[in-house]
């Protein structure tokens, strides 16, 4: 909330100025137009649903992922093809990508790299049979959020989703 207030002050005054020229503290209550914009922005952020791109070709794994996501306010878009998913990620801003097997049977590390190149600010969770050490080694420097195994242990996925949500709340 404080960061939002700083952003509004900066956008309206050309810079953050908590005090006016006479040394009187500026507050949102003293300026209704700022207060109204602050309330509107806060309200809009609460209604915004996070967009999640799901890339998974296996219906059983997809069902497990979907069930883990069903209680969360995510707008989900599913693809079986990595080519279509990567194209969609270039056209639409997704907040989170959960990438598993694809119809083209491409290497999951190569698919992850393509997502990072297409949309570098999107968080990525990989669903793969690779070991944690192998994923750590091959994905080093790409900044993925984490990986889970193909049997999709719900607690592992939920733990990564909680981490993602904490990161998003800090913005």
C-alpha atoms as a PDB file:
ATOM      1  CA  UNK A   1       0.000   0.000   0.000  1.00  0.00           C
ATOM      2  CA  UNK A   2       2.885   2.355   0.836  1.00  0.00           C
ATOM      3  CA  UNK A   3       4.515   1.723  -2.531  1.00  0.00           C
ATOM      4  CA  UNK A   4       1.230   2.458  -4.263  1.00  0.00           C
ATOM      5  CA  UNK A   5       0.983   5.764  -2.347  1.00  0.00           C
ATOM      6  CA  UNK A   6       4.538   6.698  -3.395  1.00  0.00           C
ATOM      7  CA  UNK A   7       3.717   5.845  -7.021  1.00  0.00           C
ATOM      8  CA  UNK A   8       0.574   8.010  -6.970  1.00  0.00           C
ATOM      9  CA  UNK A   9       2.422  10.928  -5.385  1.00  0.00           C
ATOM     10  CA  UNK A  10       5.208  10.614  -7.932  1.00  0.00           C
ATOM     11  CA  UNK A  11       2.820  10.441 -10.867  1.00  0.00           C
ATOM     12  CA  UNK A  12       0.760  13.426  -9.708  1.00  0.00           C
ATOM     13  CA  UNK A  13       3.533  15.694  -8.450  1.00  0.00           C
ATOM     14  CA  UNK A  14       6.443  14.692 -10.647  1.00  0.00           C
ATOM     15  CA  UNK A  15       8.292  13.228  -7.659  1.00  0.00           C
ATOM     16  CA  UNK A  16       7.593  11.994  -4.160  1.00  0.00           C
ATOM     17  CA  UNK A  17       7.158  14.988  -1.867  1.00  0.00           C
ATOM     18  CA  UNK A  18       5.775  13.988   1.523  1.00  0.00           C
ATOM     19  CA  UNK A  19       5.928  17.635   2.682  1.00  0.00           C
ATOM     20  CA  UNK A  20       4.831  20.806   0.890  1.00  0.00           C
ATOM     21  CA  UNK A  21       6.982  23.958   0.680  1.00  0.00           C
ATOM     22  CA  UNK A  22       5.772  25.108   4.125  1.00  0.00           C
ATOM     23  CA  UNK A  23       6.835  21.820   5.747  1.00  0.00           C
ATOM     24  CA  UNK A  24       3.279  20.539   6.181  1.00  0.00           C
ATOM     25  CA  UNK A  25       2.906  16.790   5.631  1.00  0.00           C
ATOM     26  CA  UNK A  26       0.832  15.951   2.551  1.00  0.00           C
ATOM     27  CA  UNK A  27      -1.711  13.186   3.061  1.00  0.00           C
ATOM     28  CA  UNK A  28      -4.344  11.572   0.867  1.00  0.00           C
ATOM     29  CA  UNK A  29      -7.075  12.873   3.183  1.00  0.00           C
ATOM     30  CA  UNK A  30      -6.137  16.469   2.385  1.00  0.00           C
ATOM     31  CA  UNK A  31      -6.401  15.879  -1.373  1.00  0.00           C
ATOM     32  CA  UNK A  32      -9.612  14.051  -2.347  1.00  0.00           C
ATOM     33  CA  UNK A  33      -8.504  13.525  -5.958  1.00  0.00           C
ATOM     34  CA  UNK A  34      -5.435  11.616  -4.737  1.00  0.00           C
ATOM     35  CA  UNK A  35      -7.486   9.666  -2.188  1.00  0.00           C
ATOM     36  CA  UNK A  36     -10.069   8.691  -4.840  1.00  0.00           C
ATOM     37  CA  UNK A  37      -7.362   7.524  -7.227  1.00  0.00           C
ATOM     38  CA  UNK A  38      -5.738   5.529  -4.414  1.00  0.00           C
ATOM     39  CA  UNK A  39      -9.045   3.839  -3.543  1.00  0.00           C
ATOM     40  CA  UNK A  40      -9.767   3.085  -7.211  1.00  0.00           C
ATOM     41  CA  UNK A  41      -6.306   1.599  -7.785  1.00  0.00           C
ATOM     42  CA  UNK A  42      -6.521  -0.551  -4.662  1.00  0.00           C
ATOM     43  CA  UNK A  43      -9.993  -1.793  -5.604  1.00  0.00           C
ATOM     44  CA  UNK A  44      -8.910  -2.640  -9.142  1.00  0.00           C
ATOM     45  CA  UNK A  45      -5.895  -4.628  -7.896  1.00  0.00           C
ATOM     46  CA  UNK A  46      -8.080  -6.748  -5.620  1.00  0.00           C
ATOM     47  CA  UNK A  47     -10.375  -7.703  -8.507  1.00  0.00           C
ATOM     48  CA  UNK A  48      -7.566  -8.538 -10.920  1.00  0.00           C
ATOM     49  CA  UNK A  49      -7.148 -12.257 -11.460  1.00  0.00           C
ATOM     50  CA  UNK A  50      -3.672 -13.603 -12.133  1.00  0.00           C
ATOM     51  CA  UNK A  51      -3.297 -15.171 -15.557  1.00  0.00           C
ATOM     52  CA  UNK A  52      -1.758 -18.631 -15.583  1.00  0.00           C
ATOM     53  CA  UNK A  53      -0.608 -20.472 -18.693  1.00  0.00           C
ATOM     54  CA  UNK A  54      -0.695 -24.260 -18.323  1.00  0.00           C
ATOM     55  CA  UNK A  55       1.340 -26.325 -20.777  1.00  0.00           C
ATOM     56  CA  UNK A  56       0.566 -30.001 -20.257  1.00  0.00           C
ATOM     57  CA  UNK A  57      -0.188 -32.806 -22.690  1.00  0.00           C
ATOM     58  CA  UNK A  58      -1.046 -35.507 -20.124  1.00  0.00           C
ATOM     59  CA  UNK A  59      -4.714 -35.236 -19.014  1.00  0.00           C
ATOM     60  CA  UNK A  60      -4.057 -36.932 -15.642  1.00  0.00           C
ATOM     61  CA  UNK A  61      -1.289 -34.507 -14.713  1.00  0.00           C
ATOM     62  CA  UNK A  62      -3.373 -31.587 -15.986  1.00  0.00           C
ATOM     63  CA  UNK A  63      -6.293 -32.653 -13.761  1.00  0.00           C
ATOM     64  CA  UNK A  64      -3.998 -32.742 -10.709  1.00  0.00           C
ATOM     65  CA  UNK A  65      -2.650 -29.261 -11.486  1.00  0.00           C
ATOM     66  CA  UNK A  66      -6.149 -27.899 -12.133  1.00  0.00           C
ATOM     67  CA  UNK A  67      -7.408 -29.281  -8.819  1.00  0.00           C
ATOM     68  CA  UNK A  68      -4.524 -27.621  -6.962  1.00  0.00           C
ATOM     69  CA  UNK A  69      -5.376 -24.303  -8.640  1.00  0.00           C
ATOM     70  CA  UNK A  70      -9.162 -24.420  -8.300  1.00  0.00           C
ATOM     71  CA  UNK A  71      -9.351 -22.582  -4.952  1.00  0.00           C
ATOM     72  CA  UNK A  72      -7.080 -19.809  -6.144  1.00  0.00           C
ATOM     73  CA  UNK A  73      -8.184 -16.715  -8.096  1.00  0.00           C
ATOM     74  CA  UNK A  74      -6.305 -17.634 -11.267  1.00  0.00           C
ATOM     75  CA  UNK A  75      -7.523 -17.269 -14.819  1.00  0.00           C
ATOM     76  CA  UNK A  76      -6.180 -20.425 -16.452  1.00  0.00           C
ATOM     77  CA  UNK A  77      -5.352 -20.955 -20.114  1.00  0.00           C
ATOM     78  CA  UNK A  78      -4.352 -24.472 -21.185  1.00  0.00           C
ATOM     79  CA  UNK A  79      -2.212 -25.589 -24.120  1.00  0.00           C
ATOM     80  CA  UNK A  80      -0.957 -29.017 -25.186  1.00  0.00           C
ATOM     81  CA  UNK A  81       1.396 -27.630 -27.815  1.00  0.00           C
ATOM     82  CA  UNK A  82       4.531 -25.796 -26.718  1.00  0.00           C
ATOM     83  CA  UNK A  83       4.552 -23.848 -29.997  1.00  0.00           C
ATOM     84  CA  UNK A  84       1.044 -22.492 -29.341  1.00  0.00           C
ATOM     85  CA  UNK A  85       1.848 -21.815 -25.678  1.00  0.00           C
ATOM     86  CA  UNK A  86       5.007 -19.867 -26.492  1.00  0.00           C
ATOM     87  CA  UNK A  87       3.143 -17.895 -29.160  1.00  0.00           C
ATOM     88  CA  UNK A  88       0.387 -17.077 -26.639  1.00  0.00           C
ATOM     89  CA  UNK A  89       2.958 -15.983 -24.047  1.00  0.00           C
ATOM     90  CA  UNK A  90       4.336 -13.474 -26.560  1.00  0.00           C
ATOM     91  CA  UNK A  91       0.855 -12.085 -27.263  1.00  0.00           C
ATOM     92  CA  UNK A  92      -0.620 -12.084 -23.740  1.00  0.00           C
ATOM     93  CA  UNK A  93       1.003 -11.160 -20.462  1.00  0.00           C
ATOM     94  CA  UNK A  94       0.805 -14.187 -18.166  1.00  0.00           C
ATOM     95  CA  UNK A  95       1.734 -13.874 -14.507  1.00  0.00           C
ATOM     96  CA  UNK A  96       2.665 -17.522 -14.076  1.00  0.00           C
ATOM     97  CA  UNK A  97       3.545 -20.389 -16.415  1.00  0.00           C
ATOM     98  CA  UNK A  98       3.295 -24.013 -15.347  1.00  0.00           C
ATOM     99  CA  UNK A  99       5.127 -25.976 -18.020  1.00  0.00           C
ATOM    100  CA  UNK A 100       5.003 -29.770 -18.325  1.00  0.00           C
ATOM    101  CA  UNK A 101       5.004 -32.228 -21.218  1.00  0.00           C
ATOM    102  CA  UNK A 102       4.093 -30.929 -24.656  1.00  0.00           C
ATOM    103  CA  UNK A 103       2.593 -32.476 -27.768  1.00  0.00           C
ATOM    104  CA  UNK A 104       5.823 -32.021 -29.730  1.00  0.00           C
ATOM    105  CA  UNK A 105       7.849 -33.944 -27.083  1.00  0.00           C
ATOM    106  CA  UNK A 106      10.382 -31.128 -26.833  1.00  0.00           C
ATOM    107  CA  UNK A 107      12.919 -31.136 -24.037  1.00  0.00           C
ATOM    108  CA  UNK A 108      11.390 -29.374 -20.989  1.00  0.00           C
ATOM    109  CA  UNK A 109      14.550 -27.321 -20.455  1.00  0.00           C
ATOM    110  CA  UNK A 110      14.390 -26.037 -24.046  1.00  0.00           C
ATOM    111  CA  UNK A 111      10.708 -25.153 -23.601  1.00  0.00           C
ATOM    112  CA  UNK A 112      11.495 -23.338 -20.345  1.00  0.00           C
ATOM    113  CA  UNK A 113      14.280 -21.373 -22.075  1.00  0.00           C
ATOM    114  CA  UNK A 114      11.879 -20.414 -24.875  1.00  0.00           C
ATOM    115  CA  UNK A 115       9.361 -19.126 -22.313  1.00  0.00           C
ATOM    116  CA  UNK A 116      12.058 -17.116 -20.529  1.00  0.00           C
ATOM    117  CA  UNK A 117      13.159 -15.564 -23.827  1.00  0.00           C
ATOM    118  CA  UNK A 118       9.568 -14.806 -24.836  1.00  0.00           C
ATOM    119  CA  UNK A 119       8.460 -13.366 -21.500  1.00  0.00           C
ATOM    120  CA  UNK A 120      11.344 -12.844 -19.060  1.00  0.00           C
ATOM    121  CA  UNK A 121       9.265 -11.331 -16.222  1.00  0.00           C
ATOM    122  CA  UNK A 122       6.848 -14.270 -15.935  1.00  0.00           C
ATOM    123  CA  UNK A 123       7.336 -16.769 -13.106  1.00  0.00           C
ATOM    124  CA  UNK A 124       7.763 -20.359 -14.264  1.00  0.00           C
ATOM    125  CA  UNK A 125       7.097 -23.653 -12.505  1.00  0.00           C
ATOM    126  CA  UNK A 126       8.368 -26.713 -14.365  1.00  0.00           C
ATOM    127  CA  UNK A 127       6.626 -30.094 -14.209  1.00  0.00           C
ATOM    128  CA  UNK A 128       9.252 -32.656 -15.146  1.00  0.00           C
ATOM    129  CA  UNK A 129      10.726 -36.085 -14.404  1.00  0.00           C
ATOM    130  CA  UNK A 130      14.203 -34.596 -14.182  1.00  0.00           C
ATOM    131  CA  UNK A 131      15.849 -34.691 -10.762  1.00  0.00           C
ATOM    132  CA  UNK A 132      16.072 -31.495  -8.723  1.00  0.00           C
ATOM    133  CA  UNK A 133      19.853 -31.375  -9.176  1.00  0.00           C
ATOM    134  CA  UNK A 134      19.520 -31.810 -12.949  1.00  0.00           C
ATOM    135  CA  UNK A 135      16.928 -29.021 -13.162  1.00  0.00           C
ATOM    136  CA  UNK A 136      19.090 -26.783 -10.946  1.00  0.00           C
ATOM    137  CA  UNK A 137      22.101 -27.395 -13.175  1.00  0.00           C
ATOM    138  CA  UNK A 138      20.333 -26.948 -16.524  1.00  0.00           C
ATOM    139  CA  UNK A 139      18.056 -24.066 -15.481  1.00  0.00           C
ATOM    140  CA  UNK A 140      20.726 -22.112 -13.615  1.00  0.00           C
ATOM    141  CA  UNK A 141      20.586 -18.441 -14.514  1.00  0.00           C
ATOM    142  CA  UNK A 142      17.064 -18.601 -15.933  1.00  0.00           C
ATOM    143  CA  UNK A 143      15.322 -17.680 -12.685  1.00  0.00           C
ATOM    144  CA  UNK A 144      12.534 -20.239 -12.636  1.00  0.00           C
ATOM    145  CA  UNK A 145      10.383 -20.345  -9.526  1.00  0.00           C
ATOM    146  CA  UNK A 146      10.848 -24.081  -9.071  1.00  0.00           C
ATOM    147  CA  UNK A 147       9.981 -27.540 -10.330  1.00  0.00           C
ATOM    148  CA  UNK A 148       7.716 -30.385  -9.326  1.00  0.00           C
ATOM    149  CA  UNK A 149       7.656 -34.028 -10.385  1.00  0.00           C
ATOM    150  CA  UNK A 150       5.236 -35.494 -12.915  1.00  0.00           C
ATOM    151  CA  UNK A 151       3.159 -37.186 -10.224  1.00  0.00           C
ATOM    152  CA  UNK A 152       2.398 -33.608  -9.082  1.00  0.00           C
ATOM    153  CA  UNK A 153       2.596 -33.853  -5.332  1.00  0.00           C
ATOM    154  CA  UNK A 154      -0.040 -31.347  -4.332  1.00  0.00           C
ATOM    155  CA  UNK A 155       1.920 -30.029  -1.349  1.00  0.00           C
ATOM    156  CA  UNK A 156       4.968 -29.247  -3.521  1.00  0.00           C
ATOM    157  CA  UNK A 157       2.845 -27.335  -6.017  1.00  0.00           C
ATOM    158  CA  UNK A 158       0.938 -25.512  -3.277  1.00  0.00           C
ATOM    159  CA  UNK A 159       4.228 -24.570  -1.609  1.00  0.00           C
ATOM    160  CA  UNK A 160       5.514 -23.044  -4.856  1.00  0.00           C
ATOM    161  CA  UNK A 161       2.201 -21.235  -5.360  1.00  0.00           C
ATOM    162  CA  UNK A 162       2.426 -19.775  -1.834  1.00  0.00           C
ATOM    163  CA  UNK A 163       5.967 -18.596  -2.609  1.00  0.00           C
ATOM    164  CA  UNK A 164       4.753 -17.045  -5.868  1.00  0.00           C
ATOM    165  CA  UNK A 165       1.886 -15.280  -4.071  1.00  0.00           C
ATOM    166  CA  UNK A 166       4.233 -13.885  -1.402  1.00  0.00           C
ATOM    167  CA  UNK A 167       6.479 -12.507  -4.131  1.00  0.00           C
ATOM    168  CA  UNK A 168       3.488 -10.917  -5.878  1.00  0.00           C
ATOM    169  CA  UNK A 169       2.245  -9.341  -2.633  1.00  0.00           C
ATOM    170  CA  UNK A 170       5.613  -7.669  -2.103  1.00  0.00           C
ATOM    171  CA  UNK A 171       5.131  -5.625  -5.298  1.00  0.00           C
END
